[in-house]
Amino acid sequence: MAIGVLGPLNGVINKTAEEIINAQLSSKVAGVLTTFVKSSFEAVDSALKKVQNLTKEDPAPGGQP
């Protein structure tokens, strides 16, 4: 059922929606975003490990804390 309010734009909107669905654009964008977020968290994790190593206290001489 077409929406009559949009008039001449119905065809353009329908064709655009069809192309987006056929190209699986939503799935591809979701994949890109998932990869981006995962990579970002991996980078944060790596940075936190470096900070942890830099701020680690050296053991006192003679084995005493």
PDB file of N, CA and C in Angstrom:
ATOM      1  N   MET A   1       0.841  -1.171   0.000  1.00  0.00           N
ATOM      2  CA  MET A   1       0.000   0.000   0.000  1.00  0.00           C
ATOM      3  C   MET A   1       0.892   1.243   0.000  1.00  0.00           C
ATOM      4  N   ALA A   2       0.706   2.065  -0.982  1.00  0.00           N
ATOM      5  CA  ALA A   2       1.492   3.296  -1.106  1.00  0.00           C
ATOM      6  C   ALA A   2       0.910   4.394  -0.222  1.00  0.00           C
ATOM      7  N   ILE A   3       1.780   5.248   0.264  1.00  0.00           N
ATOM      8  CA  ILE A   3       1.340   6.395   1.064  1.00  0.00           C
ATOM      9  C   ILE A   3       1.078   7.541   0.097  1.00  0.00           C
ATOM     10  N   GLY A   4      -0.184   7.952  -0.011  1.00  0.00           N
ATOM     11  CA  GLY A   4      -0.581   8.960  -0.976  1.00  0.00           C
ATOM     12  C   GLY A   4      -0.032  10.342  -0.698  1.00  0.00           C
ATOM     13  N   VAL A   5       0.307  10.647   0.526  1.00  0.00           N
ATOM     14  CA  VAL A   5       0.770  11.983   0.898  1.00  0.00           C
ATOM     15  C   VAL A   5       2.090  12.305   0.200  1.00  0.00           C
ATOM     16  N   LEU A   6       2.920  11.307   0.009  1.00  0.00           N
ATOM     17  CA  LEU A   6       4.238  11.541  -0.575  1.00  0.00           C
ATOM     18  C   LEU A   6       4.193  11.692  -2.094  1.00  0.00           C
ATOM     19  N   GLY A   7       3.073  11.330  -2.692  1.00  0.00           N
ATOM     20  CA  GLY A   7       2.859  11.527  -4.121  1.00  0.00           C
ATOM     21  C   GLY A   7       3.979  11.025  -5.002  1.00  0.00           C
ATOM     22  N   PRO A   8       4.613  11.915  -5.766  1.00  0.00           N
ATOM     23  CA  PRO A   8       5.624  11.519  -6.744  1.00  0.00           C
ATOM     24  C   PRO A   8       6.881  10.904  -6.111  1.00  0.00           C
ATOM     25  N   LEU A   9       7.086  11.121  -4.837  1.00  0.00           N
ATOM     26  CA  LEU A   9       8.269  10.575  -4.189  1.00  0.00           C
ATOM     27  C   LEU A   9       8.133   9.089  -3.856  1.00  0.00           C
ATOM     28  N   ASN A  10       6.921   8.560  -3.911  1.00  0.00           N
ATOM     29  CA  ASN A  10       6.710   7.153  -3.573  1.00  0.00           C
ATOM     30  C   ASN A  10       7.632   6.228  -4.350  1.00  0.00           C
ATOM     31  N   GLY A  11       7.745   6.438  -5.638  1.00  0.00           N
ATOM     32  CA  GLY A  11       8.587   5.580  -6.479  1.00  0.00           C
ATOM     33  C   GLY A  11      10.051   5.658  -6.086  1.00  0.00           C
ATOM     34  N   VAL A  12      10.532   6.866  -5.834  1.00  0.00           N
ATOM     35  CA  VAL A  12      11.929   7.053  -5.455  1.00  0.00           C
ATOM     36  C   VAL A  12      12.202   6.400  -4.106  1.00  0.00           C
ATOM     37  N   ILE A  13      11.315   6.610  -3.155  1.00  0.00           N
ATOM     38  CA  ILE A  13      11.483   6.031  -1.822  1.00  0.00           C
ATOM     39  C   ILE A  13      11.455   4.515  -1.891  1.00  0.00           C
ATOM     40  N   ASN A  14      10.497   3.980  -2.675  1.00  0.00           N
ATOM     41  CA  ASN A  14      10.392   2.530  -2.812  1.00  0.00           C
ATOM     42  C   ASN A  14      11.651   1.940  -3.425  1.00  0.00           C
ATOM     43  N   LYS A  15      12.147   2.548  -4.478  1.00  0.00           N
ATOM     44  CA  LYS A  15      13.351   2.051  -5.157  1.00  0.00           C
ATOM     45  C   LYS A  15      14.567   2.150  -4.231  1.00  0.00           C
ATOM     46  N   THR A  16      14.679   3.233  -3.496  1.00  0.00           N
ATOM     47  CA  THR A  16      15.796   3.405  -2.570  1.00  0.00           C
ATOM     48  C   THR A  16      15.757   2.340  -1.479  1.00  0.00           C
ATOM     49  N   ALA A  17      14.585   2.125  -0.908  1.00  0.00           N
ATOM     50  CA  ALA A  17      14.439   1.100   0.133  1.00  0.00           C
ATOM     51  C   ALA A  17      14.776  -0.279  -0.422  1.00  0.00           C
ATOM     52  N   GLU A  18      14.333  -0.551  -1.630  1.00  0.00           N
ATOM     53  CA  GLU A  18      14.614  -1.849  -2.265  1.00  0.00           C
ATOM     54  C   GLU A  18      16.120  -2.046  -2.464  1.00  0.00           C
ATOM     55  N   GLU A  19      16.809  -1.024  -2.922  1.00  0.00           N
ATOM     56  CA  GLU A  19      18.258  -1.124  -3.137  1.00  0.00           C
ATOM     57  C   GLU A  19      19.019  -1.312  -1.829  1.00  0.00           C
ATOM     58  N   ILE A  20      18.592  -0.621  -0.786  1.00  0.00           N
ATOM     59  CA  ILE A  20      19.233  -0.770   0.521  1.00  0.00           C
ATOM     60  C   ILE A  20      19.055  -2.194   1.028  1.00  0.00           C
ATOM     61  N   ILE A  21      17.855  -2.734   0.886  1.00  0.00           N
ATOM     62  CA  ILE A  21      17.589  -4.102   1.323  1.00  0.00           C
ATOM     63  C   ILE A  21      18.400  -5.095   0.493  1.00  0.00           C
ATOM     64  N   ASN A  22      18.389  -4.941  -0.826  1.00  0.00           N
ATOM     65  CA  ASN A  22      19.095  -5.879  -1.707  1.00  0.00           C
ATOM     66  C   ASN A  22      20.604  -5.842  -1.499  1.00  0.00           C
ATOM     67  N   ALA A  23      21.140  -4.691  -1.186  1.00  0.00           N
ATOM     68  CA  ALA A  23      22.582  -4.562  -0.975  1.00  0.00           C
ATOM     69  C   ALA A  23      22.982  -4.969   0.441  1.00  0.00           C
ATOM     70  N   GLN A  24      22.003  -5.310   1.265  1.00  0.00           N
ATOM     71  CA  GLN A  24      22.230  -5.677   2.666  1.00  0.00           C
ATOM     72  C   GLN A  24      23.071  -4.606   3.367  1.00  0.00           C
ATOM     73  N   LEU A  25      22.742  -3.371   3.072  1.00  0.00           N
ATOM     74  CA  LEU A  25      23.484  -2.230   3.605  1.00  0.00           C
ATOM     75  C   LEU A  25      23.458  -2.193   5.128  1.00  0.00           C
ATOM     76  N   SER A  26      22.313  -2.488   5.726  1.00  0.00           N
ATOM     77  CA  SER A  26      22.208  -2.451   7.184  1.00  0.00           C
ATOM     78  C   SER A  26      23.168  -3.443   7.826  1.00  0.00           C
ATOM     79  N   SER A  27      23.238  -4.649   7.285  1.00  0.00           N
ATOM     80  CA  SER A  27      24.135  -5.672   7.832  1.00  0.00           C
ATOM     81  C   SER A  27      25.592  -5.270   7.667  1.00  0.00           C
ATOM     82  N   LYS A  28      25.914  -4.683   6.528  1.00  0.00           N
ATOM     83  CA  LYS A  28      27.298  -4.268   6.277  1.00  0.00           C
ATOM     84  C   LYS A  28      27.712  -3.127   7.202  1.00  0.00           C
ATOM     85  N   VAL A  29      26.825  -2.163   7.393  1.00  0.00           N
ATOM     86  CA  VAL A  29      27.120  -1.049   8.296  1.00  0.00           C
ATOM     87  C   VAL A  29      27.265  -1.570   9.728  1.00  0.00           C
ATOM     88  N   ALA A  30      26.402  -2.502  10.116  1.00  0.00           N
ATOM     89  CA  ALA A  30      26.497  -3.087  11.456  1.00  0.00           C
ATOM     90  C   ALA A  30      27.835  -3.798  11.631  1.00  0.00           C
ATOM     91  N   GLY A  31      28.300  -4.485  10.605  1.00  0.00           N
ATOM     92  CA  GLY A  31      29.600  -5.165  10.666  1.00  0.00           C
ATOM     93  C   GLY A  31      30.745  -4.182  10.829  1.00  0.00           C
ATOM     94  N   VAL A  32      30.696  -3.089  10.102  1.00  0.00           N
ATOM     95  CA  VAL A  32      31.735  -2.061  10.200  1.00  0.00           C
ATOM     96  C   VAL A  32      31.739  -1.446  11.597  1.00  0.00           C
ATOM     97  N   LEU A  33      30.567  -1.120  12.099  1.00  0.00           N
ATOM     98  CA  LEU A  33      30.472  -0.527  13.436  1.00  0.00           C
ATOM     99  C   LEU A  33      30.942  -1.498  14.514  1.00  0.00           C
ATOM    100  N   THR A  34      30.597  -2.773  14.369  1.00  0.00           N
ATOM    101  CA  THR A  34      31.040  -3.783  15.329  1.00  0.00           C
ATOM    102  C   THR A  34      32.558  -3.875  15.345  1.00  0.00           C
ATOM    103  N   THR A  35      33.163  -3.896  14.168  1.00  0.00           N
ATOM    104  CA  THR A  35      34.621  -3.959  14.069  1.00  0.00           C
ATOM    105  C   THR A  35      35.258  -2.719  14.685  1.00  0.00           C
ATOM    106  N   PHE A  36      34.692  -1.555  14.420  1.00  0.00           N
ATOM    107  CA  PHE A  36      35.217  -0.304  14.958  1.00  0.00           C
ATOM    108  C   PHE A  36      35.172  -0.298  16.484  1.00  0.00           C
ATOM    109  N   VAL A  37      34.029  -0.679  17.038  1.00  0.00           N
ATOM    110  CA  VAL A  37      33.872  -0.676  18.495  1.00  0.00           C
ATOM    111  C   VAL A  37      34.812  -1.697  19.129  1.00  0.00           C
ATOM    112  N   LYS A  38      34.892  -2.884  18.545  1.00  0.00           N
ATOM    113  CA  LYS A  38      35.773  -3.921  19.086  1.00  0.00           C
ATOM    114  C   LYS A  38      37.233  -3.453  19.053  1.00  0.00           C
ATOM    115  N   SER A  39      37.657  -2.866  17.955  1.00  0.00           N
ATOM    116  CA  SER A  39      39.024  -2.374  17.833  1.00  0.00           C
ATOM    117  C   SER A  39      39.298  -1.252  18.835  1.00  0.00           C
ATOM    118  N   SER A  40      38.314  -0.403  19.046  1.00  0.00           N
ATOM    119  CA  SER A  40      38.471   0.690  20.011  1.00  0.00           C
ATOM    120  C   SER A  40      38.679   0.153  21.421  1.00  0.00           C
ATOM    121  N   PHE A  41      37.890  -0.828  21.803  1.00  0.00           N
ATOM    122  CA  PHE A  41      38.041  -1.406  23.138  1.00  0.00           C
ATOM    123  C   PHE A  41      39.356  -2.162  23.266  1.00  0.00           C
ATOM    124  N   GLU A  42      39.806  -2.809  22.208  1.00  0.00           N
ATOM    125  CA  GLU A  42      41.105  -3.477  22.245  1.00  0.00           C
ATOM    126  C   GLU A  42      42.233  -2.461  22.426  1.00  0.00           C
ATOM    127  N   ALA A  43      42.123  -1.318  21.771  1.00  0.00           N
ATOM    128  CA  ALA A  43      43.128  -0.260  21.916  1.00  0.00           C
ATOM    129  C   ALA A  43      43.131   0.286  23.341  1.00  0.00           C
ATOM    130  N   VAL A  44      41.948   0.487  23.923  1.00  0.00           N
ATOM    131  CA  VAL A  44      41.853   0.962  25.302  1.00  0.00           C
ATOM    132  C   VAL A  44      42.465  -0.066  26.242  1.00  0.00           C
ATOM    133  N   ASP A  45      42.174  -1.337  26.027  1.00  0.00           N
ATOM    134  CA  ASP A  45      42.727  -2.400  26.860  1.00  0.00           C
ATOM    135  C   ASP A  45      44.249  -2.412  26.793  1.00  0.00           C
ATOM    136  N   SER A  46      44.777  -2.256  25.596  1.00  0.00           N
ATOM    137  CA  SER A  46      46.227  -2.216  25.411  1.00  0.00           C
ATOM    138  C   SER A  46      46.844  -1.015  26.130  1.00  0.00           C
ATOM    139  N   ALA A  47      46.207   0.126  26.032  1.00  0.00           N
ATOM    140  CA  ALA A  47      46.707   1.330  26.704  1.00  0.00           C
ATOM    141  C   ALA A  47      46.666   1.160  28.222  1.00  0.00           C
ATOM    142  N   LEU A  48      45.601   0.548  28.738  1.00  0.00           N
ATOM    143  CA  LEU A  48      45.506   0.327  30.176  1.00  0.00           C
ATOM    144  C   LEU A  48      46.596  -0.618  30.678  1.00  0.00           C
ATOM    145  N   LYS A  49      46.928  -1.622  29.887  1.00  0.00           N
ATOM    146  CA  LYS A  49      48.002  -2.544  30.266  1.00  0.00           C
ATOM    147  C   LYS A  49      49.340  -1.810  30.324  1.00  0.00           C
ATOM    148  N   LYS A  50      49.570  -0.900  29.382  1.00  0.00           N
ATOM    149  CA  LYS A  50      50.809  -0.120  29.387  1.00  0.00           C
ATOM    150  C   LYS A  50      50.864   0.795  30.613  1.00  0.00           C
ATOM    151  N   VAL A  51      49.748   1.434  30.939  1.00  0.00           N
ATOM    152  CA  VAL A  51      49.687   2.289  32.118  1.00  0.00           C
ATOM    153  C   VAL A  51      49.931   1.459  33.372  1.00  0.00           C
ATOM    154  N   GLN A  52      49.342   0.282  33.432  1.00  0.00           N
ATOM    155  CA  GLN A  52      49.530  -0.592  34.582  1.00  0.00           C
ATOM    156  C   GLN A  52      51.007  -0.955  34.740  1.00  0.00           C
ATOM    157  N   ASN A  53      51.671  -1.284  33.643  1.00  0.00           N
ATOM    158  CA  ASN A  53      53.094  -1.637  33.705  1.00  0.00           C
ATOM    159  C   ASN A  53      53.953  -0.441  34.109  1.00  0.00           C
ATOM    160  N   LEU A  54      53.609   0.736  33.636  1.00  0.00           N
ATOM    161  CA  LEU A  54      54.383   1.928  33.968  1.00  0.00           C
ATOM    162  C   LEU A  54      54.222   2.343  35.423  1.00  0.00           C
ATOM    163  N   THR A  55      53.082   2.054  36.006  1.00  0.00           N
ATOM    164  CA  THR A  55      52.817   2.489  37.375  1.00  0.00           C
ATOM    165  C   THR A  55      53.030   1.389  38.406  1.00  0.00           C
ATOM    166  N   LYS A  56      53.478   0.229  37.961  1.00  0.00           N
ATOM    167  CA  LYS A  56      53.694  -0.877  38.886  1.00  0.00           C
ATOM    168  C   LYS A  56      54.865  -0.552  39.801  1.00  0.00           C
ATOM    169  N   GLU A  57      54.669  -0.777  41.093  1.00  0.00           N
ATOM    170  CA  GLU A  57      55.730  -0.507  42.058  1.00  0.00           C
ATOM    171  C   GLU A  57      56.759  -1.627  42.002  1.00  0.00           C
ATOM    172  N   ASP A  58      58.025  -1.227  42.060  1.00  0.00           N
ATOM    173  CA  ASP A  58      59.109  -2.207  42.093  1.00  0.00           C
ATOM    174  C   ASP A  58      59.179  -2.794  43.490  1.00  0.00           C
ATOM    175  N   PRO A  59      59.500  -4.099  43.582  1.00  0.00           N
ATOM    176  CA  PRO A  59      59.615  -4.699  44.916  1.00  0.00           C
ATOM    177  C   PRO A  59      60.790  -4.067  45.665  1.00  0.00           C
ATOM    178  N   ALA A  60      60.640  -3.973  46.959  1.00  0.00           N
ATOM    179  CA  ALA A  60      61.702  -3.382  47.800  1.00  0.00           C
ATOM    180  C   ALA A  60      62.916  -4.315  47.811  1.00  0.00           C
ATOM    181  N   PRO A  61      64.116  -3.743  47.927  1.00  0.00           N
ATOM    182  CA  PRO A  61      65.307  -4.595  47.990  1.00  0.00           C
ATOM    183  C   PRO A  61      65.245  -5.527  49.195  1.00  0.00           C
ATOM    184  N   GLY A  62      65.735  -6.741  48.995  1.00  0.00           N
ATOM    185  CA  GLY A  62      65.741  -7.723  50.078  1.00  0.00           C
ATOM    186  C   GLY A  62      64.430  -8.470  50.221  1.00  0.00           C
ATOM    187  N   GLY A  63      63.499  -8.247  49.295  1.00  0.00           N
ATOM    188  CA  GLY A  63      62.244  -8.989  49.312  1.00  0.00           C
ATOM    189  C   GLY A  63      61.209  -8.477  50.304  1.00  0.00           C
ATOM    190  N   GLN A  64      61.431  -7.369  50.954  1.00  0.00           N
ATOM    191  CA  GLN A  64      60.480  -6.814  51.910  1.00  0.00           C
ATOM    192  C   GLN A  64      59.522  -5.876  51.189  1.00  0.00           C
ATOM    193  N   PRO A  65      58.223  -5.986  51.405  1.00  0.00           N
ATOM    194  CA  PRO A  65      57.254  -5.083  50.761  1.00  0.00           C
ATOM    195  C   PRO A  65      57.283  -3.694  51.328  1.00  0.00           C
TER     196      PRO A  65
END
